[in-house]
Amino acid sequence: MKVELIGAGETVQVYESKSSSRLLYSGLKEGADVPYECATGTCGTCKVKRISGEFSWLWPEAPARALLKSADDFLLCQCAASTDLKIEVRSKLKDLKEIAQRPQWLTGEINNSATVAPGVMTFSVKLSQPISFLPGQFMVIEFAGIQGGRAWSMTNEAKLTDTLDFVIKKKPQGLLSDYLFAKENLIGLKANLFGPIGKAVYDGALDRDLVCIAGGTGMAGMMSILSAFIASGAYLRNRADVFFGVRTPADLFFEQELKQFIEQSKGALRVIVAFSDAAASPEFIAANPLLKFDQGFVHEVAMREMEGHFTPKTRAYLAGPPPLVDGALRMLLLKARLPATEILYDKFG
């Protein structure tokens, strides 16, 4: 089917999409400037309006469908074309720059997993073929029998790899997390993956000091960014301040990996862990001398610690629950006076 995007300023793009394919994924595969954030039907960013043609819902229960106001409104990530379509997009369409790898559908299976904190699990997926991706990107992952895909950021960083590492949290009434955490052995579990996608990516060639603010498993993409910060040698000219929020010391994970990054950075990387519910004990602090600890909501800790240290070359990365991202974004814009173009995040919910 032919899909015609009509954007602000009379900008137009055209791409092809099969009747069984999500309109968003088809557009991304062809390099169209389709709007998106989570790509899984939860955030509503890919909402568009039909001008002409017919479409069908692949996941009618997608949470963000509740945000739609008319029968002509629909989500690109959860709908397919039944006929040729002409669609109105709210933004001005722009040509995409050449990217490392066009997103695509892949298959894979889990080849290891581990519990790293209460209700937090890491696992790796061995892909059917190697891919390249940018630090901070994510994949949409689907498992048989579970409706809808989930957007998970990679924690590893590599120019070309056939293994992707993830960290996930058990969510109350989360169908997929309940399913995965209930299984005694995840090894061999098969998955379908679409990606890599995501806009909150890191480029080690840019002269930027980093401020990373993440809550819980939102730390996933930050781990990939920090790995690239070290591997690219950017730590020799730039610094990075990382603020990692969890509820209590028992909920902290990635301690060893963060300590290794700090050691490799030769003083260019600082990691502050913010506990929202319980302070670290003196014994805990003494056992982790390379990490710094504070108490409070992580975005508030970040603003307190960074006061007077934001510069014209500061770039911020945000990840975590929507209230955290919204709060951090508001503070960075209004108090730190960072330009919106220097605050990067992907809205997953």
Protein backbone atom coordinates (compact mmCIF):
# COMPACT_ATOMS: atom_id res chain seq x y z
CA MET A 1 0.00 0.00 0.00
CA LYS A 2 1.14 3.55 -0.68
CA VAL A 3 1.29 5.76 2.38
CA GLU A 4 1.48 9.53 1.89
CA LEU A 5 2.48 11.67 4.87
CA ILE A 6 1.37 15.30 4.77
CA GLY A 7 3.31 17.40 7.28
CA ALA A 8 3.26 21.02 8.39
CA GLY A 9 4.58 23.49 5.85
CA GLU A 10 3.23 21.35 3.00
CA THR A 11 6.03 18.81 3.41
CA VAL A 12 5.27 15.40 1.93
CA GLN A 13 6.85 11.94 2.14
CA VAL A 14 5.70 8.69 0.55
CA TYR A 15 6.53 5.10 1.48
CA GLU A 16 5.16 1.57 1.01
CA SER A 17 3.60 -0.58 3.73
CA LYS A 18 2.15 -4.10 3.58
CA SER A 19 -1.35 -4.75 4.88
CA SER A 20 0.07 -6.87 7.72
CA SER A 21 2.76 -4.37 8.76
CA ARG A 22 2.61 -1.61 11.35
CA LEU A 23 2.65 1.71 9.53
CA LEU A 24 5.30 3.12 11.87
CA TYR A 25 7.71 0.24 11.37
CA SER A 26 7.32 0.32 7.58
CA GLY A 27 8.06 4.05 7.58
CA LEU A 28 11.13 3.66 9.77
CA LYS A 29 12.46 0.85 7.57
CA GLU A 30 12.19 3.12 4.53
CA GLY A 31 13.68 6.16 6.29
CA ALA A 32 10.50 8.25 6.44
CA ASP A 33 10.25 10.95 9.11
CA VAL A 34 7.40 9.27 10.98
CA PRO A 35 6.78 10.61 14.52
CA TYR A 36 7.36 8.20 17.41
CA GLU A 37 8.76 7.77 20.91
CA CYS A 38 7.97 4.40 22.55
CA ALA A 39 6.85 2.61 19.33
CA THR A 40 4.72 0.25 21.45
CA GLY A 41 1.33 1.96 21.79
CA THR A 42 1.74 3.57 25.20
CA CYS A 43 2.92 7.17 24.72
CA GLY A 44 0.70 8.47 21.88
CA THR A 45 3.47 10.39 20.09
CA CYS A 46 2.79 8.60 16.78
CA LYS A 47 -0.84 9.79 16.70
CA VAL A 48 -1.84 10.92 13.19
CA LYS A 49 -5.04 11.79 11.36
CA ARG A 50 -6.47 10.05 8.30
CA ILE A 51 -7.16 12.28 5.30
CA SER A 52 -8.25 9.44 3.03
CA GLY A 53 -8.02 5.65 2.83
CA GLU A 54 -8.65 2.81 5.27
CA PHE A 55 -6.63 1.33 8.12
CA SER A 56 -7.04 -1.50 10.64
CA TRP A 57 -5.97 -1.89 14.27
CA LEU A 58 -3.43 -4.65 15.00
CA TRP A 59 -3.68 -4.07 18.77
CA PRO A 60 -7.04 -2.42 19.51
CA GLU A 61 -6.33 -2.40 23.27
CA ALA A 62 -3.17 -0.26 22.96
CA PRO A 63 -3.15 2.04 26.03
CA ALA A 64 -2.56 5.24 24.05
CA ARG A 65 -5.74 4.67 22.03
CA ALA A 66 -7.53 6.33 24.94
CA LEU A 67 -5.84 9.60 23.90
CA LEU A 68 -7.51 9.65 20.48
CA LYS A 69 -10.45 11.99 19.94
CA SER A 70 -11.97 10.93 16.62
CA ALA A 71 -12.38 7.87 14.40
CA ASP A 72 -9.88 9.40 11.97
CA ASP A 73 -7.15 9.55 14.61
CA PHE A 74 -4.94 6.48 14.98
CA LEU A 75 -1.53 5.27 16.15
CA LEU A 76 1.03 4.51 13.47
CA CYS A 77 2.69 1.92 15.71
CA GLN A 78 -0.48 -0.18 16.15
CA CYS A 79 -2.27 0.15 12.81
CA ALA A 80 -1.84 -1.22 9.30
CA ALA A 81 -2.97 0.08 5.91
CA SER A 82 -6.02 -1.63 4.38
CA THR A 83 -5.84 0.62 1.28
CA ASP A 84 -3.60 3.41 0.07
CA LEU A 85 -3.52 6.03 2.80
CA LYS A 86 -3.09 9.77 3.00
CA ILE A 87 -2.18 10.88 6.55
CA GLU A 88 -1.83 14.22 8.29
CA VAL A 89 1.22 14.58 10.56
CA ARG A 90 1.40 17.53 12.98
CA SER A 91 5.13 18.19 12.57
CA LYS A 92 7.15 19.41 9.61
CA LEU A 93 8.73 16.46 7.82
CA LYS A 94 12.47 16.45 7.38
CA ASP A 95 14.86 14.13 5.60
CA LEU A 96 16.58 11.65 7.89
CA LYS A 97 20.34 11.60 8.07
CA GLU A 98 22.11 8.43 7.06
CA ILE A 99 21.99 6.04 10.01
CA ALA A 100 24.16 3.09 10.98
CA GLN A 101 21.49 0.51 10.25
CA ARG A 102 17.87 0.73 9.15
CA PRO A 103 15.57 -0.88 11.70
CA GLN A 104 14.33 -4.33 10.79
CA TRP A 105 12.57 -7.39 12.20
CA LEU A 106 14.94 -9.95 13.73
CA THR A 107 14.57 -13.18 15.64
CA GLY A 108 16.56 -14.23 18.65
CA GLU A 109 16.57 -16.25 21.84
CA ILE A 110 17.61 -15.59 25.42
CA ASN A 111 20.99 -17.16 26.21
CA ASN A 112 21.52 -15.99 29.79
CA SER A 113 19.71 -14.19 32.61
CA ALA A 114 20.33 -13.14 36.20
CA THR A 115 18.48 -11.45 39.06
CA VAL A 116 20.47 -8.33 40.03
CA ALA A 117 18.13 -6.71 42.59
CA PRO A 118 14.66 -7.43 44.01
CA GLY A 119 12.35 -7.52 41.01
CA VAL A 120 15.12 -6.60 38.56
CA MET A 121 16.55 -8.99 35.98
CA THR A 122 19.22 -8.79 33.29
CA PHE A 123 19.20 -11.02 30.22
CA SER A 124 20.89 -11.30 26.84
CA VAL A 125 19.34 -12.13 23.48
CA LYS A 126 21.36 -13.92 20.82
CA LEU A 127 20.22 -12.59 17.43
CA SER A 128 19.76 -14.45 14.18
CA GLN A 129 22.25 -12.04 12.59
CA PRO A 130 24.61 -9.30 13.80
CA ILE A 131 23.49 -5.68 13.81
CA SER A 132 24.99 -2.29 14.58
CA PHE A 133 23.27 0.24 16.82
CA LEU A 134 23.96 3.60 18.43
CA PRO A 135 24.50 3.98 22.19
CA GLY A 136 21.14 4.82 23.75
CA GLN A 137 18.96 3.09 21.15
CA PHE A 138 16.33 0.46 21.96
CA MET A 139 14.49 -2.50 20.48
CA VAL A 140 10.81 -3.41 20.49
CA ILE A 141 10.61 -7.00 21.72
CA GLU A 142 7.70 -9.42 21.36
CA PHE A 143 7.22 -12.83 22.94
CA ALA A 144 4.68 -15.42 21.76
CA GLY A 145 1.42 -15.37 23.68
CA ILE A 146 1.88 -11.82 25.06
CA GLN A 147 -0.09 -9.07 23.32
CA GLY A 148 1.90 -6.01 22.31
CA GLY A 149 5.62 -5.29 22.13
CA ARG A 150 7.84 -3.75 24.82
CA ALA A 151 10.51 -1.09 24.31
CA TRP A 152 13.78 -1.98 26.06
CA SER A 153 17.10 -0.16 25.73
CA MET A 154 20.31 -2.08 25.23
CA THR A 155 22.81 -1.87 28.08
CA ASN A 156 25.78 -2.95 25.96
CA GLU A 157 27.58 -1.00 23.26
CA ALA A 158 29.22 -2.43 20.15
CA LYS A 159 29.82 -1.43 16.55
CA LEU A 160 28.58 -4.82 15.34
CA THR A 161 27.17 -7.55 17.55
CA ASP A 162 24.82 -10.53 17.54
CA THR A 163 24.08 -10.20 21.28
CA LEU A 164 21.92 -7.57 22.95
CA ASP A 165 21.86 -7.05 26.73
CA PHE A 166 18.80 -5.77 28.60
CA VAL A 167 17.63 -5.05 32.14
CA ILE A 168 13.93 -5.16 33.10
CA LYS A 169 11.84 -4.60 36.21
CA LYS A 170 8.90 -6.63 37.44
CA LYS A 171 5.91 -4.33 37.14
CA PRO A 172 2.65 -4.68 39.10
CA GLN A 173 0.11 -6.40 36.83
CA GLY A 174 2.63 -6.36 33.99
CA LEU A 175 1.70 -9.25 31.73
CA LEU A 176 5.12 -9.68 30.17
CA SER A 177 7.18 -9.08 33.30
CA ASP A 178 4.95 -11.50 35.26
CA TYR A 179 5.47 -14.06 32.50
CA LEU A 180 9.27 -13.67 32.42
CA PHE A 181 9.80 -13.53 36.18
CA ALA A 182 7.58 -16.57 36.73
CA LYS A 183 9.67 -18.80 34.44
CA GLU A 184 12.30 -20.89 36.20
CA ASN A 185 14.57 -20.88 33.16
CA LEU A 186 14.57 -18.27 30.40
CA ILE A 187 17.38 -19.86 28.39
CA GLY A 188 16.18 -20.67 24.88
CA LEU A 189 13.06 -18.49 25.06
CA LYS A 190 12.49 -17.10 21.57
CA ALA A 191 11.64 -13.49 20.74
CA ASN A 192 10.93 -11.26 17.77
CA LEU A 193 12.66 -7.89 17.81
CA PHE A 194 12.26 -4.71 15.78
CA GLY A 195 14.98 -2.09 15.73
CA PRO A 196 17.29 -0.52 16.47
CA ILE A 197 15.35 2.71 16.99
CA GLY A 198 15.44 5.68 19.36
CA LYS A 199 16.57 9.30 19.24
CA ALA A 200 18.35 9.76 22.59
CA VAL A 201 21.66 8.56 21.18
CA TYR A 202 25.26 9.41 21.99
CA ASP A 203 27.96 10.51 19.56
CA GLY A 204 31.45 10.35 21.05
CA ALA A 205 32.78 12.66 18.34
CA LEU A 206 30.78 15.62 19.68
CA ASP A 207 32.38 17.94 22.22
CA ARG A 208 29.76 17.54 24.98
CA ASP A 209 29.88 17.16 28.75
CA LEU A 210 27.23 14.64 29.78
CA VAL A 211 24.61 14.81 32.50
CA CYS A 212 22.73 11.51 32.72
CA ILE A 213 19.62 11.32 34.93
CA ALA A 214 17.99 7.90 35.20
CA GLY A 215 15.59 6.11 37.49
CA GLY A 216 15.53 2.34 37.99
CA THR A 217 15.86 0.32 34.79
CA GLY A 218 15.97 3.60 32.86
CA MET A 219 19.68 3.20 33.57
CA ALA A 220 19.84 0.67 30.70
CA GLY A 221 20.53 3.12 27.88
CA MET A 222 22.86 5.13 30.11
CA MET A 223 25.09 2.07 30.51
CA SER A 224 25.44 1.87 26.73
CA ILE A 225 26.20 5.61 26.56
CA LEU A 226 28.80 5.39 29.33
CA SER A 227 30.46 2.43 27.63
CA ALA A 228 30.76 4.50 24.44
CA PHE A 229 31.96 7.53 26.43
CA ILE A 230 34.89 5.42 27.64
CA ALA A 231 35.52 3.42 24.45
CA SER A 232 35.53 6.52 22.19
CA GLY A 233 38.09 8.29 24.37
CA ALA A 234 35.67 11.18 24.97
CA TYR A 235 36.58 11.05 28.67
CA LEU A 236 39.96 12.54 27.75
CA ARG A 237 38.32 15.88 26.85
CA ASN A 238 34.84 15.78 28.39
CA ARG A 239 33.32 14.89 31.72
CA ALA A 240 30.16 12.99 32.66
CA ASP A 241 27.95 13.33 35.73
CA VAL A 242 25.58 10.40 36.22
CA PHE A 243 22.62 10.47 38.61
CA PHE A 244 21.03 7.06 39.24
CA GLY A 245 17.83 6.88 41.27
CA VAL A 246 16.55 3.79 43.11
CA ARG A 247 14.39 3.41 46.20
CA THR A 248 16.77 1.81 48.71
CA PRO A 249 20.35 0.47 48.84
CA ALA A 250 18.96 -3.05 48.36
CA ASP A 251 17.53 -1.94 44.99
CA LEU A 252 20.87 -0.78 43.58
CA PHE A 253 22.32 -2.71 40.64
CA PHE A 254 25.17 -2.23 38.14
CA GLU A 255 27.48 -1.19 41.02
CA GLN A 256 30.46 -3.14 39.69
CA GLU A 257 29.99 -1.96 36.12
CA LEU A 258 29.73 1.67 37.24
CA LYS A 259 32.84 1.37 39.39
CA GLN A 260 34.72 0.00 36.40
CA PHE A 261 33.62 2.96 34.26
CA ILE A 262 34.76 5.37 36.98
CA GLU A 263 38.18 3.74 37.17
CA GLN A 264 38.59 3.77 33.39
CA SER A 265 37.56 7.44 33.13
CA LYS A 266 40.54 8.67 35.21
CA GLY A 267 38.43 11.19 37.07
CA ALA A 268 36.20 12.35 34.21
CA LEU A 269 33.14 10.37 35.40
CA ARG A 270 31.19 10.95 38.60
CA VAL A 271 28.30 8.69 39.67
CA ILE A 272 25.81 9.84 42.32
CA VAL A 273 23.20 7.33 43.48
CA ALA A 274 20.01 8.91 44.87
CA PHE A 275 17.91 6.83 47.26
CA SER A 276 14.31 8.06 47.42
CA ASP A 277 13.05 5.94 50.34
CA ALA A 278 15.99 5.00 52.62
CA ALA A 279 19.45 6.46 53.10
CA ALA A 280 22.64 4.44 52.69
CA SER A 281 24.21 3.18 55.90
CA PRO A 282 27.78 4.14 56.82
CA GLU A 283 28.79 0.53 56.14
CA PHE A 284 27.24 0.63 52.66
CA ILE A 285 28.98 3.91 51.85
CA ALA A 286 32.33 2.56 53.08
CA ALA A 287 31.94 -0.54 50.90
CA ASN A 288 31.44 1.59 47.77
CA PRO A 289 34.08 4.36 47.94
CA LEU A 290 33.98 5.14 44.20
CA LEU A 291 30.25 5.92 44.24
CA LYS A 292 28.67 8.97 45.85
CA PHE A 293 25.30 8.79 47.61
CA ASP A 294 22.49 11.22 48.31
CA GLN A 295 18.84 11.04 49.30
CA GLY A 296 15.79 12.35 47.48
CA PHE A 297 14.24 12.20 44.03
CA VAL A 298 17.01 11.74 41.50
CA HIS A 299 16.19 14.76 39.32
CA GLU A 300 16.16 17.02 42.39
CA VAL A 301 19.49 15.58 43.55
CA ALA A 302 20.89 16.17 40.06
CA MET A 303 19.88 19.83 40.02
CA ARG A 304 21.27 20.40 43.49
CA GLU A 305 24.59 18.75 42.64
CA MET A 306 24.91 20.45 39.25
CA GLU A 307 23.99 23.97 40.33
CA GLY A 308 26.49 26.36 38.77
CA HIS A 309 28.11 23.61 36.68
CA PHE A 310 25.96 23.65 33.55
CA THR A 311 27.87 25.05 30.56
CA PRO A 312 27.10 25.77 26.89
CA LYS A 313 28.48 22.34 26.01
CA THR A 314 26.34 20.36 28.49
CA ARG A 315 24.11 17.68 26.99
CA ALA A 316 21.57 15.89 29.20
CA TYR A 317 20.13 12.39 28.81
CA LEU A 318 16.96 11.39 30.68
CA ALA A 319 15.37 7.98 31.24
CA GLY A 320 12.97 6.38 33.68
CA PRO A 321 9.33 6.66 34.78
CA PRO A 322 7.38 9.46 33.06
CA PRO A 323 7.08 11.62 36.24
CA LEU A 324 10.87 11.54 36.63
CA VAL A 325 11.50 12.47 32.99
CA ASP A 326 8.88 15.24 33.11
CA GLY A 327 10.30 16.64 36.36
CA ALA A 328 13.89 16.54 35.10
CA LEU A 329 12.92 18.10 31.78
CA ARG A 330 11.13 20.97 33.50
CA MET A 331 14.09 21.67 35.79
CA LEU A 332 16.65 21.50 32.99
CA LEU A 333 14.67 23.91 30.82
CA LEU A 334 13.60 26.40 33.47
CA LYS A 335 16.42 26.33 36.03
CA ALA A 336 19.49 25.08 34.16
CA ARG A 337 18.42 26.96 31.00
CA LEU A 338 19.56 24.13 28.75
CA PRO A 339 18.33 24.37 25.14
CA ALA A 340 15.67 21.77 24.32
CA THR A 341 17.99 20.44 21.60
CA GLU A 342 20.50 19.45 24.29
CA ILE A 343 18.05 17.39 26.36
CA LEU A 344 17.60 13.92 24.89
CA TYR A 345 15.13 11.24 25.95
CA ASP A 346 12.75 8.64 24.54
CA LYS A 347 9.30 8.67 26.15
CA PHE A 348 8.29 5.07 26.86
CA GLY A 349 5.04 5.68 28.70
